[in-house]
């Protein structure tokens, strides 16, 4: 029997969550670390990868199929969430969400239908927006001193990652620029649900 050859581009970038650096409630850093990992293990694919922040002006966004859900059919209301999306030159886009009960990765179309879902039954104030940033840009510009995770008395709301804070030469904290869905602020493209479906070719 002849051996079959699978295009490297169609292989998952990560197929085991244990390969990922993960800290609960620090999704932005988890995705930054995943971008960093891909930059060293699959550098040829980094230009096809994106970080996608999900939020809105109220910072109340429902996502389904989350590990933190209280019941299988109930969403979790996050102030923001962050995904890693791989759009290879061949094959369908894949979503890497380290906080979902869906497989890692999950096809973009499946993730959108099961975790994001349509908005016709969602009140307008809960409609989601997406800031999509090329992984290379995210790696170069994102910074967080984790101050958003401290209580007024300085204690942590949730234990922080064990590695040092992510910083650049220009900033130690710009997380709010990524969470903001004002297109005049920050980097990347801000789009609504139909916009991101079109961007990744599933509308």
N, C-alpha and C. Protein backbone atom coordinates (compact mmCIF):
# COMPACT_ATOMS: atom_id res chain seq x y z
N UNK A 1 0.86 -1.20 0.00
CA UNK A 1 0.00 0.00 0.00
C UNK A 1 0.89 1.24 0.00
N UNK A 2 0.56 2.18 -0.85
CA UNK A 2 1.35 3.40 -0.93
C UNK A 2 1.08 4.29 0.28
N UNK A 3 2.11 4.92 0.77
CA UNK A 3 1.95 5.83 1.91
C UNK A 3 1.22 7.08 1.46
N UNK A 4 0.33 7.59 2.30
CA UNK A 4 -0.38 8.82 1.99
C UNK A 4 0.38 9.99 2.58
N UNK A 5 0.26 11.13 1.90
CA UNK A 5 0.95 12.34 2.36
C UNK A 5 -0.08 13.38 2.73
N UNK A 6 -0.04 13.88 3.95
CA UNK A 6 -0.96 14.92 4.39
C UNK A 6 -0.26 16.26 4.36
N UNK A 7 -0.87 17.21 3.69
CA UNK A 7 -0.31 18.55 3.60
C UNK A 7 -0.07 19.09 5.00
N UNK A 8 1.15 19.57 5.22
CA UNK A 8 1.51 20.09 6.54
C UNK A 8 0.59 21.23 6.97
N UNK A 9 0.12 22.02 5.98
CA UNK A 9 -0.75 23.14 6.31
C UNK A 9 -2.08 22.69 6.91
N UNK A 10 -2.51 21.45 6.60
CA UNK A 10 -3.80 20.98 7.07
C UNK A 10 -3.72 20.34 8.45
N UNK A 11 -2.50 20.14 8.95
CA UNK A 11 -2.33 19.55 10.27
C UNK A 11 -2.63 20.58 11.34
N UNK A 12 -3.24 20.18 12.46
CA UNK A 12 -3.45 21.13 13.55
C UNK A 12 -2.12 21.69 14.05
N UNK A 13 -2.12 22.97 14.36
CA UNK A 13 -0.91 23.57 14.93
C UNK A 13 -0.66 23.02 16.33
N UNK A 14 -1.74 22.77 17.03
CA UNK A 14 -1.72 22.19 18.38
C UNK A 14 -2.88 21.21 18.44
N UNK A 15 -2.65 20.02 18.94
CA UNK A 15 -3.75 19.07 19.07
C UNK A 15 -3.93 18.59 20.51
N UNK A 16 -3.07 19.06 21.39
CA UNK A 16 -3.13 18.67 22.80
C UNK A 16 -3.00 19.92 23.65
N UNK A 17 -4.01 20.19 24.46
CA UNK A 17 -3.99 21.39 25.29
C UNK A 17 -2.82 21.40 26.25
N UNK A 18 -2.26 20.23 26.55
CA UNK A 18 -1.11 20.17 27.45
C UNK A 18 0.13 20.80 26.84
N UNK A 19 0.11 21.02 25.52
CA UNK A 19 1.22 21.70 24.86
C UNK A 19 1.15 23.22 25.07
N UNK A 20 0.04 23.70 25.59
CA UNK A 20 -0.18 25.14 25.72
C UNK A 20 0.12 25.62 27.14
N UNK A 21 0.64 26.82 27.23
CA UNK A 21 0.76 27.50 28.52
C UNK A 21 -0.62 28.04 28.85
N UNK A 22 -1.12 27.70 30.04
CA UNK A 22 -2.49 28.08 30.39
C UNK A 22 -2.58 28.53 31.84
N UNK A 23 -3.23 29.68 32.03
CA UNK A 23 -3.58 30.17 33.37
C UNK A 23 -5.02 30.61 33.33
N UNK A 24 -5.84 30.06 34.20
CA UNK A 24 -7.26 30.40 34.23
C UNK A 24 -7.46 31.89 34.43
N UNK A 25 -8.37 32.48 33.65
CA UNK A 25 -8.77 33.88 33.72
C UNK A 25 -7.75 34.85 33.13
N UNK A 26 -6.77 34.32 32.44
CA UNK A 26 -5.78 35.16 31.74
C UNK A 26 -5.75 34.77 30.27
N UNK A 27 -6.92 34.82 29.62
CA UNK A 27 -7.04 34.33 28.25
C UNK A 27 -6.14 35.10 27.29
N UNK A 28 -5.98 36.41 27.52
CA UNK A 28 -5.14 37.20 26.62
C UNK A 28 -3.68 36.73 26.64
N UNK A 29 -3.20 36.37 27.82
CA UNK A 29 -1.82 35.89 27.92
C UNK A 29 -1.71 34.46 27.40
N UNK A 30 -2.74 33.65 27.62
CA UNK A 30 -2.73 32.29 27.08
C UNK A 30 -2.60 32.31 25.56
N UNK A 31 -3.34 33.22 24.92
CA UNK A 31 -3.28 33.30 23.46
C UNK A 31 -1.96 33.91 23.00
N UNK A 32 -1.44 34.88 23.73
CA UNK A 32 -0.12 35.43 23.41
C UNK A 32 0.94 34.33 23.47
N UNK A 33 0.87 33.50 24.49
CA UNK A 33 1.82 32.40 24.63
C UNK A 33 1.65 31.37 23.50
N UNK A 34 0.42 31.17 23.06
CA UNK A 34 0.20 30.25 21.94
C UNK A 34 0.80 30.83 20.66
N UNK A 35 0.63 32.13 20.45
CA UNK A 35 1.27 32.78 19.30
C UNK A 35 2.79 32.62 19.37
N UNK A 36 3.33 32.82 20.56
CA UNK A 36 4.78 32.66 20.76
C UNK A 36 5.22 31.24 20.44
N UNK A 37 4.44 30.28 20.88
CA UNK A 37 4.75 28.86 20.63
C UNK A 37 4.76 28.57 19.13
N UNK A 38 3.77 29.07 18.41
CA UNK A 38 3.70 28.83 16.97
C UNK A 38 4.85 29.53 16.26
N UNK A 39 5.28 30.67 16.78
CA UNK A 39 6.39 31.40 16.15
C UNK A 39 7.69 30.61 16.17
N UNK A 40 7.81 29.66 17.10
CA UNK A 40 9.02 28.84 17.19
C UNK A 40 8.84 27.44 16.61
N UNK A 41 7.63 26.90 16.71
CA UNK A 41 7.40 25.52 16.24
C UNK A 41 6.89 25.45 14.80
N UNK A 42 6.10 26.45 14.39
CA UNK A 42 5.55 26.48 13.02
C UNK A 42 5.66 27.90 12.46
N UNK A 43 6.86 28.47 12.41
CA UNK A 43 6.99 29.88 12.03
C UNK A 43 6.43 30.20 10.65
N UNK A 44 6.42 29.21 9.76
CA UNK A 44 5.90 29.45 8.41
C UNK A 44 4.40 29.69 8.41
N UNK A 45 3.71 29.30 9.50
CA UNK A 45 2.27 29.47 9.58
C UNK A 45 1.85 30.70 10.37
N UNK A 46 2.80 31.37 11.02
CA UNK A 46 2.44 32.49 11.89
C UNK A 46 1.71 33.60 11.13
N UNK A 47 2.07 33.81 9.89
CA UNK A 47 1.44 34.87 9.10
C UNK A 47 -0.02 34.54 8.75
N UNK A 48 -0.44 33.31 9.02
CA UNK A 48 -1.82 32.89 8.78
C UNK A 48 -2.60 32.79 10.09
N UNK A 49 -2.04 33.33 11.17
CA UNK A 49 -2.64 33.20 12.50
C UNK A 49 -3.06 34.56 13.05
N UNK A 50 -4.11 34.52 13.88
CA UNK A 50 -4.69 35.75 14.42
C UNK A 50 -5.09 35.56 15.88
N UNK A 51 -5.02 36.66 16.63
CA UNK A 51 -5.67 36.74 17.94
C UNK A 51 -6.97 37.49 17.73
N UNK A 52 -8.05 37.01 18.32
CA UNK A 52 -9.35 37.67 18.17
C UNK A 52 -9.92 37.96 19.55
N UNK A 53 -9.98 39.23 19.91
CA UNK A 53 -10.62 39.66 21.15
C UNK A 53 -12.11 39.80 20.91
N UNK A 54 -12.91 39.32 21.84
CA UNK A 54 -14.37 39.42 21.76
C UNK A 54 -14.85 40.27 22.93
N UNK A 55 -15.57 41.35 22.64
CA UNK A 55 -16.13 42.18 23.70
C UNK A 55 -17.19 43.08 23.07
N UNK A 56 -17.63 44.09 23.80
CA UNK A 56 -18.52 45.12 23.28
C UNK A 56 -18.43 46.33 24.21
N UNK A 57 -19.21 47.36 23.92
CA UNK A 57 -19.10 48.58 24.72
C UNK A 57 -19.50 48.37 26.17
N UNK A 58 -20.39 47.40 26.42
CA UNK A 58 -20.83 47.11 27.79
C UNK A 58 -19.91 46.10 28.49
N UNK A 59 -19.00 45.52 27.72
CA UNK A 59 -18.13 44.44 28.23
C UNK A 59 -18.98 43.33 28.84
N UNK A 60 -19.98 42.90 28.09
CA UNK A 60 -20.84 41.79 28.47
C UNK A 60 -21.12 40.97 27.22
N UNK A 61 -20.38 39.87 27.06
CA UNK A 61 -20.52 39.08 25.85
C UNK A 61 -20.81 37.61 26.20
N UNK A 62 -21.92 37.08 25.70
CA UNK A 62 -22.24 35.67 25.96
C UNK A 62 -21.50 34.74 25.02
N UNK A 63 -20.90 33.70 25.59
CA UNK A 63 -20.28 32.62 24.82
C UNK A 63 -20.78 31.29 25.37
N UNK A 64 -21.14 30.41 24.45
CA UNK A 64 -21.57 29.08 24.82
C UNK A 64 -20.40 28.10 24.75
N UNK A 65 -20.65 26.89 25.25
CA UNK A 65 -19.66 25.81 25.19
C UNK A 65 -18.36 26.15 25.93
N UNK A 66 -18.51 26.89 27.02
CA UNK A 66 -17.36 27.27 27.84
C UNK A 66 -17.24 26.34 29.04
N UNK A 67 -16.02 26.09 29.46
CA UNK A 67 -15.79 25.23 30.62
C UNK A 67 -16.42 25.81 31.88
N UNK A 68 -16.54 27.12 31.96
CA UNK A 68 -17.06 27.78 33.15
C UNK A 68 -18.59 27.81 33.19
N UNK A 69 -19.26 27.23 32.21
CA UNK A 69 -20.72 27.27 32.17
C UNK A 69 -21.31 26.52 33.37
N UNK A 70 -22.52 26.94 33.78
CA UNK A 70 -23.20 26.29 34.90
C UNK A 70 -24.10 25.16 34.45
N UNK A 71 -24.48 25.19 33.18
CA UNK A 71 -25.31 24.13 32.60
C UNK A 71 -24.95 24.02 31.12
N UNK A 72 -25.11 22.83 30.52
CA UNK A 72 -24.68 22.63 29.13
C UNK A 72 -25.28 23.61 28.13
N UNK A 73 -26.50 24.08 28.36
CA UNK A 73 -27.16 24.95 27.38
C UNK A 73 -27.07 26.42 27.75
N UNK A 74 -26.30 26.75 28.78
CA UNK A 74 -26.21 28.13 29.22
C UNK A 74 -24.90 28.78 28.79
N UNK A 75 -24.96 30.06 28.41
CA UNK A 75 -23.72 30.75 28.07
C UNK A 75 -23.02 31.27 29.32
N UNK A 76 -21.77 31.63 29.16
CA UNK A 76 -21.03 32.38 30.17
C UNK A 76 -20.95 33.82 29.68
N UNK A 77 -21.20 34.76 30.55
CA UNK A 77 -21.10 36.17 30.19
C UNK A 77 -19.70 36.66 30.60
N UNK A 78 -18.86 36.85 29.61
CA UNK A 78 -17.50 37.35 29.86
C UNK A 78 -17.47 38.86 29.65
N UNK A 79 -16.53 39.54 30.31
CA UNK A 79 -16.29 40.94 29.95
C UNK A 79 -15.52 41.01 28.63
N UNK A 80 -14.67 40.02 28.41
CA UNK A 80 -13.99 39.85 27.13
C UNK A 80 -13.45 38.44 27.08
N UNK A 81 -13.15 37.99 25.89
CA UNK A 81 -12.52 36.69 25.72
C UNK A 81 -11.58 36.79 24.52
N UNK A 82 -10.64 35.86 24.43
CA UNK A 82 -9.66 35.90 23.34
C UNK A 82 -9.51 34.51 22.74
N UNK A 83 -9.51 34.48 21.41
CA UNK A 83 -9.34 33.25 20.65
C UNK A 83 -8.07 33.34 19.81
N UNK A 84 -7.59 32.18 19.40
CA UNK A 84 -6.53 32.06 18.40
C UNK A 84 -7.16 31.44 17.17
N UNK A 85 -6.99 32.07 16.02
CA UNK A 85 -7.58 31.57 14.78
C UNK A 85 -6.48 31.34 13.75
N UNK A 86 -6.49 30.16 13.15
CA UNK A 86 -5.53 29.82 12.09
C UNK A 86 -6.29 29.72 10.78
N UNK A 87 -5.89 30.52 9.81
CA UNK A 87 -6.51 30.49 8.49
C UNK A 87 -5.45 30.06 7.48
N UNK A 88 -5.30 28.74 7.28
CA UNK A 88 -4.25 28.24 6.37
C UNK A 88 -4.58 28.58 4.92
N UNK A 89 -3.57 28.54 4.08
CA UNK A 89 -3.81 28.80 2.66
C UNK A 89 -4.62 27.68 2.02
N UNK A 90 -4.56 26.49 2.61
CA UNK A 90 -5.38 25.36 2.17
C UNK A 90 -6.13 24.82 3.38
N UNK A 91 -7.38 24.48 3.20
CA UNK A 91 -8.18 23.96 4.31
C UNK A 91 -8.98 25.06 4.98
N UNK A 92 -9.81 24.67 5.92
CA UNK A 92 -10.72 25.62 6.58
C UNK A 92 -10.07 26.24 7.81
N UNK A 93 -10.50 27.44 8.18
CA UNK A 93 -9.98 28.08 9.39
C UNK A 93 -10.29 27.25 10.64
N UNK A 94 -9.39 27.33 11.60
CA UNK A 94 -9.52 26.59 12.84
C UNK A 94 -9.42 27.54 14.03
N UNK A 95 -10.24 27.27 15.04
CA UNK A 95 -10.24 28.08 16.26
C UNK A 95 -9.61 27.29 17.40
N UNK A 96 -8.75 27.97 18.14
CA UNK A 96 -8.13 27.40 19.33
C UNK A 96 -8.60 28.24 20.52
N UNK A 97 -9.50 27.67 21.32
CA UNK A 97 -10.02 28.32 22.52
C UNK A 97 -9.69 27.41 23.69
N UNK A 98 -8.83 27.86 24.57
CA UNK A 98 -8.37 27.02 25.67
C UNK A 98 -9.39 26.95 26.81
N UNK A 99 -10.52 27.66 26.66
CA UNK A 99 -11.54 27.66 27.70
C UNK A 99 -12.85 27.01 27.24
N UNK A 100 -12.85 26.34 26.11
CA UNK A 100 -14.05 25.72 25.60
C UNK A 100 -14.06 24.22 25.86
N UNK A 101 -15.28 23.66 25.85
CA UNK A 101 -15.41 22.20 25.94
C UNK A 101 -15.35 21.57 24.55
N UNK A 102 -15.33 22.40 23.51
CA UNK A 102 -15.20 21.89 22.15
C UNK A 102 -13.78 21.37 21.92
N UNK A 103 -13.59 20.55 20.89
CA UNK A 103 -12.25 20.01 20.63
C UNK A 103 -11.23 21.11 20.32
N UNK A 104 -9.97 20.77 20.50
CA UNK A 104 -8.86 21.67 20.19
C UNK A 104 -8.06 21.09 19.02
N UNK A 105 -8.08 21.72 17.85
CA UNK A 105 -8.88 22.88 17.50
C UNK A 105 -10.28 22.48 17.07
N UNK A 106 -11.12 23.49 16.85
CA UNK A 106 -12.46 23.32 16.30
C UNK A 106 -12.56 24.15 15.03
N UNK A 107 -13.24 23.62 14.02
CA UNK A 107 -13.37 24.40 12.80
C UNK A 107 -14.06 25.73 13.11
N UNK A 108 -13.67 26.74 12.38
CA UNK A 108 -14.23 28.08 12.59
C UNK A 108 -15.75 28.05 12.47
N UNK A 109 -16.28 27.36 11.47
CA UNK A 109 -17.73 27.33 11.27
C UNK A 109 -18.44 26.66 12.44
N UNK A 110 -17.87 25.56 12.96
CA UNK A 110 -18.47 24.88 14.10
C UNK A 110 -18.40 25.76 15.35
N UNK A 111 -17.26 26.39 15.56
CA UNK A 111 -17.11 27.24 16.74
C UNK A 111 -18.11 28.39 16.71
N UNK A 112 -18.25 29.01 15.55
CA UNK A 112 -19.17 30.13 15.45
C UNK A 112 -20.62 29.70 15.67
N UNK A 113 -20.99 28.55 15.17
CA UNK A 113 -22.38 28.11 15.31
C UNK A 113 -22.68 27.60 16.72
N UNK A 114 -21.68 27.00 17.39
CA UNK A 114 -21.94 26.40 18.70
C UNK A 114 -21.53 27.29 19.88
N UNK A 115 -20.43 28.02 19.75
CA UNK A 115 -19.95 28.83 20.87
C UNK A 115 -20.37 30.29 20.77
N UNK A 116 -20.43 30.82 19.55
CA UNK A 116 -20.85 32.21 19.37
C UNK A 116 -22.35 32.29 19.15
N UNK A 117 -22.86 31.52 18.24
CA UNK A 117 -24.28 31.44 17.90
C UNK A 117 -24.80 32.73 17.25
N UNK A 118 -25.99 32.61 16.66
CA UNK A 118 -26.60 33.76 16.00
C UNK A 118 -27.05 34.80 17.03
N UNK A 119 -27.27 36.02 16.53
CA UNK A 119 -27.61 37.11 17.45
C UNK A 119 -29.08 37.52 17.41
N UNK A 120 -29.88 36.87 16.58
CA UNK A 120 -31.28 37.28 16.47
C UNK A 120 -32.05 37.11 17.78
N UNK A 121 -31.61 36.17 18.64
CA UNK A 121 -32.30 35.95 19.91
C UNK A 121 -31.56 36.59 21.09
N UNK A 122 -30.52 37.36 20.80
CA UNK A 122 -29.72 38.01 21.84
C UNK A 122 -30.04 39.50 21.86
N UNK A 123 -30.27 40.06 23.03
CA UNK A 123 -30.55 41.48 23.14
C UNK A 123 -29.37 42.30 22.59
N UNK A 124 -29.65 43.43 21.95
CA UNK A 124 -28.59 44.21 21.29
C UNK A 124 -27.40 44.55 22.19
N UNK A 125 -27.65 44.79 23.46
CA UNK A 125 -26.55 45.16 24.35
C UNK A 125 -25.56 44.00 24.58
N UNK A 126 -25.96 42.79 24.19
CA UNK A 126 -25.08 41.63 24.33
C UNK A 126 -24.45 41.22 23.00
N UNK A 127 -24.72 41.95 21.93
CA UNK A 127 -24.12 41.60 20.64
C UNK A 127 -22.61 41.72 20.72
N UNK A 128 -21.93 40.76 20.11
CA UNK A 128 -20.49 40.68 20.19
C UNK A 128 -19.79 41.44 19.06
N UNK A 129 -18.65 42.04 19.40
CA UNK A 129 -17.75 42.59 18.40
C UNK A 129 -16.40 41.88 18.54
N UNK A 130 -15.61 41.97 17.48
CA UNK A 130 -14.36 41.21 17.41
C UNK A 130 -13.23 42.12 16.94
N UNK A 131 -12.15 42.12 17.69
CA UNK A 131 -10.94 42.81 17.25
C UNK A 131 -9.95 41.72 16.80
N UNK A 132 -9.69 41.68 15.51
CA UNK A 132 -8.86 40.63 14.92
C UNK A 132 -7.48 41.20 14.62
N UNK A 133 -6.46 40.59 15.22
CA UNK A 133 -5.09 41.10 15.13
C UNK A 133 -4.18 40.01 14.57
N UNK A 134 -3.40 40.30 13.54
CA UNK A 134 -2.41 39.31 13.09
C UNK A 134 -1.50 38.89 14.24
N UNK A 135 -1.20 37.61 14.31
CA UNK A 135 -0.41 37.09 15.43
C UNK A 135 0.93 37.80 15.57
N UNK A 136 1.55 38.12 14.46
CA UNK A 136 2.86 38.80 14.52
C UNK A 136 2.73 40.17 15.17
N UNK A 137 1.64 40.87 14.86
CA UNK A 137 1.40 42.19 15.46
C UNK A 137 1.11 42.04 16.95
N UNK A 138 0.30 41.06 17.30
CA UNK A 138 -0.04 40.82 18.70
C UNK A 138 1.21 40.53 19.52
N UNK A 139 2.07 39.68 19.01
CA UNK A 139 3.31 39.36 19.71
C UNK A 139 4.19 40.60 19.92
N UNK A 140 4.21 41.47 18.94
CA UNK A 140 5.11 42.62 18.99
C UNK A 140 4.58 43.75 19.86
N UNK A 141 3.25 43.88 20.01
CA UNK A 141 2.70 45.09 20.62
C UNK A 141 1.95 44.87 21.92
N UNK A 142 1.50 43.67 22.23
CA UNK A 142 0.69 43.46 23.43
C UNK A 142 1.54 43.56 24.69
N UNK A 143 0.95 44.17 25.74
CA UNK A 143 1.62 44.26 27.04
C UNK A 143 0.57 44.23 28.15
N UNK A 144 0.91 43.58 29.25
CA UNK A 144 0.00 43.55 30.40
C UNK A 144 0.78 43.45 31.69
N UNK A 145 0.50 44.37 32.61
CA UNK A 145 1.11 44.29 33.94
C UNK A 145 0.21 43.58 34.94
N UNK A 146 -0.95 43.08 34.42
CA UNK A 146 -1.92 42.29 35.20
C UNK A 146 -2.63 43.09 36.29
N UNK A 147 -2.54 44.40 36.22
CA UNK A 147 -3.17 45.24 37.25
C UNK A 147 -4.68 45.09 37.25
N UNK A 148 -5.26 44.70 36.11
CA UNK A 148 -6.72 44.52 36.04
C UNK A 148 -7.18 43.32 36.85
N UNK A 149 -6.25 42.49 37.28
CA UNK A 149 -6.60 41.30 38.06
C UNK A 149 -6.29 41.46 39.55
N UNK A 150 -6.05 42.68 39.98
CA UNK A 150 -5.81 42.94 41.40
C UNK A 150 -7.03 43.60 42.04
N UNK A 151 -7.31 43.22 43.27
CA UNK A 151 -8.32 43.89 44.07
C UNK A 151 -7.78 45.22 44.58
N UNK A 152 -8.66 46.03 45.17
CA UNK A 152 -8.24 47.33 45.67
C UNK A 152 -7.14 47.22 46.72
N UNK A 153 -7.13 46.11 47.47
CA UNK A 153 -6.11 45.94 48.50
C UNK A 153 -4.82 45.32 47.96
N UNK A 154 -4.77 45.12 46.64
CA UNK A 154 -3.55 44.60 46.03
C UNK A 154 -3.50 43.10 45.89
N UNK A 155 -4.46 42.38 46.48
CA UNK A 155 -4.48 40.92 46.35
C UNK A 155 -5.00 40.54 44.96
N UNK A 156 -4.70 39.31 44.57
CA UNK A 156 -5.10 38.85 43.25
C UNK A 156 -6.53 38.34 43.24
N UNK A 157 -7.29 38.71 42.21
CA UNK A 157 -8.61 38.12 42.01
C UNK A 157 -8.48 36.65 41.64
N UNK A 158 -7.48 36.36 40.81
CA UNK A 158 -7.13 34.98 40.42
C UNK A 158 -5.62 34.90 40.37
N UNK A 159 -5.02 33.76 40.76
CA UNK A 159 -3.55 33.64 40.74
C UNK A 159 -3.00 33.95 39.36
N UNK A 160 -1.93 34.75 39.28
CA UNK A 160 -1.37 35.13 37.98
C UNK A 160 -0.47 34.04 37.41
N UNK A 161 -0.11 34.15 36.14
CA UNK A 161 0.86 33.22 35.56
C UNK A 161 2.19 33.29 36.31
N UNK A 162 2.96 32.21 36.23
CA UNK A 162 4.23 32.13 36.96
C UNK A 162 5.36 32.85 36.23
N UNK A 163 5.19 33.10 34.93
CA UNK A 163 6.24 33.76 34.16
C UNK A 163 6.11 35.29 34.30
N UNK A 164 7.15 36.04 33.94
CA UNK A 164 7.09 37.51 34.07
C UNK A 164 6.00 38.14 33.21
N UNK A 165 5.57 39.33 33.59
CA UNK A 165 4.59 40.06 32.80
C UNK A 165 5.10 40.30 31.39
N UNK A 166 4.18 40.34 30.45
CA UNK A 166 4.52 40.61 29.05
C UNK A 166 4.62 42.12 28.87
N UNK A 167 5.72 42.60 28.32
CA UNK A 167 5.93 44.03 28.13
C UNK A 167 6.68 44.27 26.83
N UNK A 168 6.57 45.48 26.33
CA UNK A 168 7.33 45.90 25.15
C UNK A 168 8.20 47.09 25.54
N UNK A 169 8.99 47.57 24.61
CA UNK A 169 9.81 48.75 24.89
C UNK A 169 8.95 49.99 25.12
N UNK A 170 7.74 49.98 24.55
CA UNK A 170 6.89 51.16 24.61
C UNK A 170 5.80 51.09 25.67
N UNK A 171 5.52 49.90 26.19
CA UNK A 171 4.37 49.78 27.08
C UNK A 171 4.52 48.63 28.06
N UNK A 172 3.93 48.81 29.25
CA UNK A 172 3.81 47.71 30.21
C UNK A 172 2.36 47.30 30.37
N UNK A 173 1.41 48.11 29.81
CA UNK A 173 -0.01 47.79 29.95
C UNK A 173 -0.81 48.47 28.85
N UNK A 174 -1.31 47.69 27.91
CA UNK A 174 -2.19 48.24 26.87
C UNK A 174 -3.38 47.32 26.61
N UNK A 175 -3.72 46.48 27.57
CA UNK A 175 -4.81 45.52 27.40
C UNK A 175 -6.12 46.20 27.03
N UNK A 176 -6.42 47.36 27.63
CA UNK A 176 -7.69 48.02 27.34
C UNK A 176 -7.81 48.41 25.86
N UNK A 177 -6.69 48.68 25.20
CA UNK A 177 -6.73 49.01 23.77
C UNK A 177 -7.19 47.82 22.94
N UNK A 178 -6.96 46.62 23.42
CA UNK A 178 -7.38 45.41 22.72
C UNK A 178 -8.84 45.07 23.03
N UNK A 179 -9.23 45.29 24.28
CA UNK A 179 -10.61 45.01 24.67
C UNK A 179 -11.56 46.02 24.05
N UNK A 180 -11.11 47.26 23.89
CA UNK A 180 -11.95 48.30 23.29
C UNK A 180 -12.37 47.89 21.88
N UNK A 181 -13.62 48.14 21.57
CA UNK A 181 -14.11 47.87 20.22
C UNK A 181 -14.29 49.16 19.43
N UNK A 182 -13.56 50.20 19.83
CA UNK A 182 -13.49 51.45 19.08
C UNK A 182 -12.42 51.26 18.00
N UNK A 183 -12.81 51.29 16.72
CA UNK A 183 -11.82 51.05 15.67
C UNK A 183 -10.73 52.12 15.58
N UNK A 184 -10.94 53.26 16.24
CA UNK A 184 -9.93 54.31 16.22
C UNK A 184 -8.82 54.06 17.25
N UNK A 185 -9.00 53.05 18.07
CA UNK A 185 -8.05 52.74 19.14
C UNK A 185 -7.35 51.41 18.83
N UNK A 186 -6.07 51.34 19.15
CA UNK A 186 -5.37 50.07 19.10
C UNK A 186 -5.04 49.57 17.70
N UNK A 187 -4.72 48.27 17.65
CA UNK A 187 -4.29 47.63 16.41
C UNK A 187 -5.32 46.60 15.97
N UNK A 188 -5.18 46.13 14.74
CA UNK A 188 -6.09 45.13 14.22
C UNK A 188 -7.35 45.75 13.62
N UNK A 189 -8.28 44.88 13.24
CA UNK A 189 -9.54 45.29 12.65
C UNK A 189 -10.69 44.96 13.58
N UNK A 190 -11.61 45.90 13.77
CA UNK A 190 -12.80 45.68 14.58
C UNK A 190 -13.96 45.37 13.65
N UNK A 191 -14.69 44.32 13.96
CA UNK A 191 -15.80 43.90 13.10
C UNK A 191 -16.92 43.29 13.94
N UNK A 192 -18.12 43.29 13.35
CA UNK A 192 -19.24 42.64 14.01
C UNK A 192 -19.28 41.16 13.62
N UNK A 193 -20.35 40.47 14.02
CA UNK A 193 -20.43 39.04 13.76
C UNK A 193 -20.39 38.74 12.27
N UNK A 194 -21.18 39.46 11.48
CA UNK A 194 -21.17 39.22 10.04
C UNK A 194 -19.82 39.55 9.43
N UNK A 195 -19.15 40.55 9.99
CA UNK A 195 -17.84 40.92 9.49
C UNK A 195 -16.81 39.83 9.69
N UNK A 196 -16.79 39.20 10.86
CA UNK A 196 -15.79 38.16 11.11
C UNK A 196 -16.12 36.89 10.32
N UNK A 197 -17.42 36.63 10.12
CA UNK A 197 -17.79 35.48 9.28
C UNK A 197 -17.30 35.70 7.85
N UNK A 198 -17.45 36.90 7.35
CA UNK A 198 -16.97 37.23 6.01
C UNK A 198 -15.45 37.20 5.94
N UNK A 199 -14.79 37.72 6.99
CA UNK A 199 -13.32 37.79 7.02
C UNK A 199 -12.69 36.41 6.91
N UNK A 200 -13.31 35.44 7.56
CA UNK A 200 -12.76 34.09 7.53
C UNK A 200 -13.51 33.18 6.55
N UNK A 201 -14.29 33.80 5.68
CA UNK A 201 -14.82 33.09 4.53
C UNK A 201 -15.94 32.11 4.77
N UNK A 202 -16.79 32.38 5.78
CA UNK A 202 -17.88 31.45 6.06
C UNK A 202 -19.25 32.10 5.98
N UNK A 203 -19.33 33.36 5.53
CA UNK A 203 -20.63 34.02 5.46
C UNK A 203 -21.37 33.60 4.20
